[in-house]
Every structure is written in C-alpha cells, then in structure tokens.
C-alpha cells in the first residue's frame, strides 16, 4: 500500500494526563527516552506506534486515530470508568464492524472499533 499510516500523534495541553489515560485504557507503554523528551507510545504487536506532544493551553487537543479493540462494549465501559464520555455509542456498521466514538478526560475525541473477522 502506498503511503501507509506508520505513526500517529496527539497534541494535548496536558500530555502527561493524556499519555496516562491511553496507557491505562489500552495497556500502551510510554517512554521519553529520546532527545526531545517526546512521549513515545508503543502500541504493541501489530500496532502503529505514536506519541503525545504538548500543545498550547488555549488550543483544543487533537489527533487522528482509530483504535481496534476485541470488544467495543467492554472498552467503552473501561473508558467511561477512566473518565471518558461516549459521543457515539457502540454501533454496528453495514460491513459488520462495530465502532464507538468517545471523548477522553481532556476533551480529545477518539474512535474504537472491532472488525468483522
């Protein structure tokens, strides 16, 4: 595939809280072992690694990401237990995939999905 997605980045006014939230929700490992102290996120086997970068406090956080999970409903429950809000509840798509859109505790929207096998 030409030009595949190989990395993602989240810009957040509170990068430590953002990295902690996603680490707790998806068991991702975050390190700052680099020259810039950038919060590098290791998404795990088969995942796309990314990172969290501080943004201006007056700007809304943003990212482009869509995260696959084995069970959307289970992760919606975990996410809301960690302070997330549901924007779009778990929904079956015409192709059989299931997805939901949430907002994390600092206001960043993100999507989770499970794909039809």
Protein backbone atom coordinates (compact mmCIF):
# COMPACT_ATOMS: atom_id res chain seq x y z
CA UNK A 1 0.00 0.00 0.00
CA UNK A 2 1.48 3.38 -0.91
CA UNK A 3 1.75 5.94 1.87
CA UNK A 4 0.53 3.75 4.76
CA UNK A 5 -0.09 5.26 8.16
CA UNK A 6 3.01 4.48 10.20
CA UNK A 7 2.64 6.80 13.19
CA UNK A 8 0.14 8.99 14.93
CA UNK A 9 0.41 11.95 17.23
CA UNK A 10 -1.80 13.52 19.84
CA UNK A 11 -1.42 17.19 20.73
CA UNK A 12 -2.64 17.85 24.27
CA UNK A 13 -2.50 20.72 26.77
CA UNK A 14 -1.83 18.05 29.44
CA UNK A 15 0.39 15.44 27.72
CA UNK A 16 1.16 13.54 30.92
CA UNK A 17 -2.54 13.02 31.73
CA UNK A 18 -3.27 12.11 28.12
CA UNK A 19 -0.45 9.56 27.97
CA UNK A 20 -1.53 8.11 31.33
CA UNK A 21 -5.18 7.76 30.20
CA UNK A 22 -4.34 5.85 26.99
CA UNK A 23 -1.73 3.77 28.78
CA UNK A 24 -4.31 2.67 31.35
CA UNK A 25 -7.06 2.09 28.79
CA UNK A 26 -5.07 0.09 26.21
CA UNK A 27 -2.02 -1.04 28.21
CA UNK A 28 0.29 1.00 25.97
CA UNK A 29 3.85 1.71 27.16
CA UNK A 30 5.03 5.32 27.02
CA UNK A 31 8.68 6.36 27.20
CA UNK A 32 10.51 9.65 26.99
CA UNK A 33 13.89 8.09 26.12
CA UNK A 34 14.63 10.48 23.26
CA UNK A 35 16.41 13.77 22.74
CA UNK A 36 13.23 15.89 22.88
CA UNK A 37 11.55 14.15 25.81
CA UNK A 38 8.69 13.35 23.44
CA UNK A 39 6.21 10.87 24.93
CA UNK A 40 6.64 7.94 22.56
CA UNK A 41 3.86 5.36 22.71
CA UNK A 42 4.48 1.73 21.87
CA UNK A 43 1.11 0.39 20.76
CA UNK A 44 2.12 -3.28 20.87
CA UNK A 45 2.45 -6.14 18.40
CA UNK A 46 0.96 -5.18 15.05
CA UNK A 47 0.00 -1.71 16.26
CA UNK A 48 1.10 1.65 14.93
CA UNK A 49 3.40 3.43 17.36
CA UNK A 50 2.71 7.08 18.06
CA UNK A 51 3.26 9.78 20.58
CA UNK A 52 1.90 12.60 22.72
CA UNK A 53 3.17 16.14 22.36
CA UNK A 54 2.30 19.21 24.46
CA UNK A 55 0.08 21.78 22.80
CA UNK A 56 -0.79 25.37 23.67
CA UNK A 57 -3.16 25.51 26.66
CA UNK A 58 -5.66 27.66 24.75
CA UNK A 59 -5.96 25.18 21.85
CA UNK A 60 -8.26 22.17 21.74
CA UNK A 61 -6.38 18.84 21.74
CA UNK A 62 -6.49 16.87 18.52
CA UNK A 63 -5.37 13.68 16.83
CA UNK A 64 -6.25 11.38 14.01
CA UNK A 65 -6.62 7.86 15.28
CA UNK A 66 -8.94 4.91 15.13
CA UNK A 67 -8.16 2.10 17.56
CA UNK A 68 -9.10 -1.56 17.06
CA UNK A 69 -10.23 -3.48 20.15
CA UNK A 70 -11.55 -7.04 20.53
CA UNK A 71 -14.77 -5.89 22.21
CA UNK A 72 -16.11 -2.35 21.72
CA UNK A 73 -18.67 -2.52 24.54
CA UNK A 74 -16.04 -3.71 27.04
CA UNK A 75 -13.67 -0.88 26.11
CA UNK A 76 -16.45 1.70 26.23
CA UNK A 77 -17.10 0.57 29.81
CA UNK A 78 -13.38 0.74 30.65
CA UNK A 79 -13.05 4.17 29.02
CA UNK A 80 -16.03 5.65 30.85
CA UNK A 81 -14.66 4.19 34.09
CA UNK A 82 -11.49 6.19 33.43
CA UNK A 83 -13.45 9.40 32.83
CA UNK A 84 -14.29 9.25 29.10
CA UNK A 85 -17.64 10.34 27.65
CA UNK A 86 -19.49 8.50 24.90
CA UNK A 87 -20.13 10.66 21.82
CA UNK A 88 -21.43 7.86 19.57
CA UNK A 89 -22.50 4.66 21.32
CA UNK A 90 -21.38 1.25 20.04
CA UNK A 91 -22.90 0.83 16.60
CA UNK A 92 -22.82 -1.98 14.06
CA UNK A 93 -21.78 -0.82 10.62
CA UNK A 94 -23.16 -2.28 7.36
CA UNK A 95 -19.97 -4.32 6.81
CA UNK A 96 -20.26 -5.99 10.22
CA UNK A 97 -17.66 -3.86 12.03
CA UNK A 98 -18.63 -2.29 15.37
CA UNK A 99 -17.46 1.17 16.40
CA UNK A 100 -17.94 3.87 19.03
CA UNK A 101 -16.66 7.42 19.39
CA UNK A 102 -15.64 8.71 22.80
CA UNK A 103 -14.09 11.82 24.33
CA UNK A 104 -11.22 11.33 26.77
CA UNK A 105 -10.96 13.26 30.08
CA UNK A 106 -9.14 16.23 28.47
CA UNK A 107 -11.64 16.54 25.58
CA UNK A 108 -9.93 14.60 22.79
CA UNK A 109 -12.31 12.62 20.61
CA UNK A 110 -11.20 9.15 19.52
CA UNK A 111 -12.83 6.08 17.99
CA UNK A 112 -12.62 2.40 18.88
CA UNK A 113 -13.67 -0.46 16.63
CA UNK A 114 -13.73 -4.19 16.23
CA UNK A 115 -13.55 -5.51 12.72
CA UNK A 116 -15.60 -8.35 11.32
CA UNK A 117 -13.39 -11.42 11.08
